[in-house]
């Protein structure tokens, strides 16, 4: 039977991903330039995927009394294709955008948010002795890292567009 701390961790992970989704949706609506808007829309879509995976994992754990094995479809790495499409769209928009101070602040908050998620998952990965839980946490760590890198890249564009490249 999984430890109560890991059950609570999964609940909090679900809450964090739901908050991330809400933040990205709200920020996309408020974004003043199209690159920031597309970035937040892209990340909101990813948060939905994370929410679904955590729910599948949690529900499987509740039914079986143990951490379930995630199927390859649950954690399939579509990241590289998503990033290529996303980068292509951003390059097309580069000449049309004028970032605002609000967009910069939202990006900075998002970077902090993703970093805190990374630290949270990393802490529990170090404690995990279950290979299935470790697989889930490793997937979430990779996703948080990927999001942070994308956000830092867009932040660089917003703060130093003359030297930006993707």
Foldseek 3Di string as FASTA:
>chain_A
DDDVVVLVLLVVLLVLLVVLLVLLVVCLVVWPWDLLNLLSVLSNVVSVLLNVLSVVQSVVCVVPVHGDADDCVSLPPPPVVSVVVSQVVCVVCLVPTQGDPVSLVSLVVLLVSLVVSLVSLVVVLVVDPDPRSVVSSVSSNVVSVSSNVVSVLVSCCNVPVVPHDD
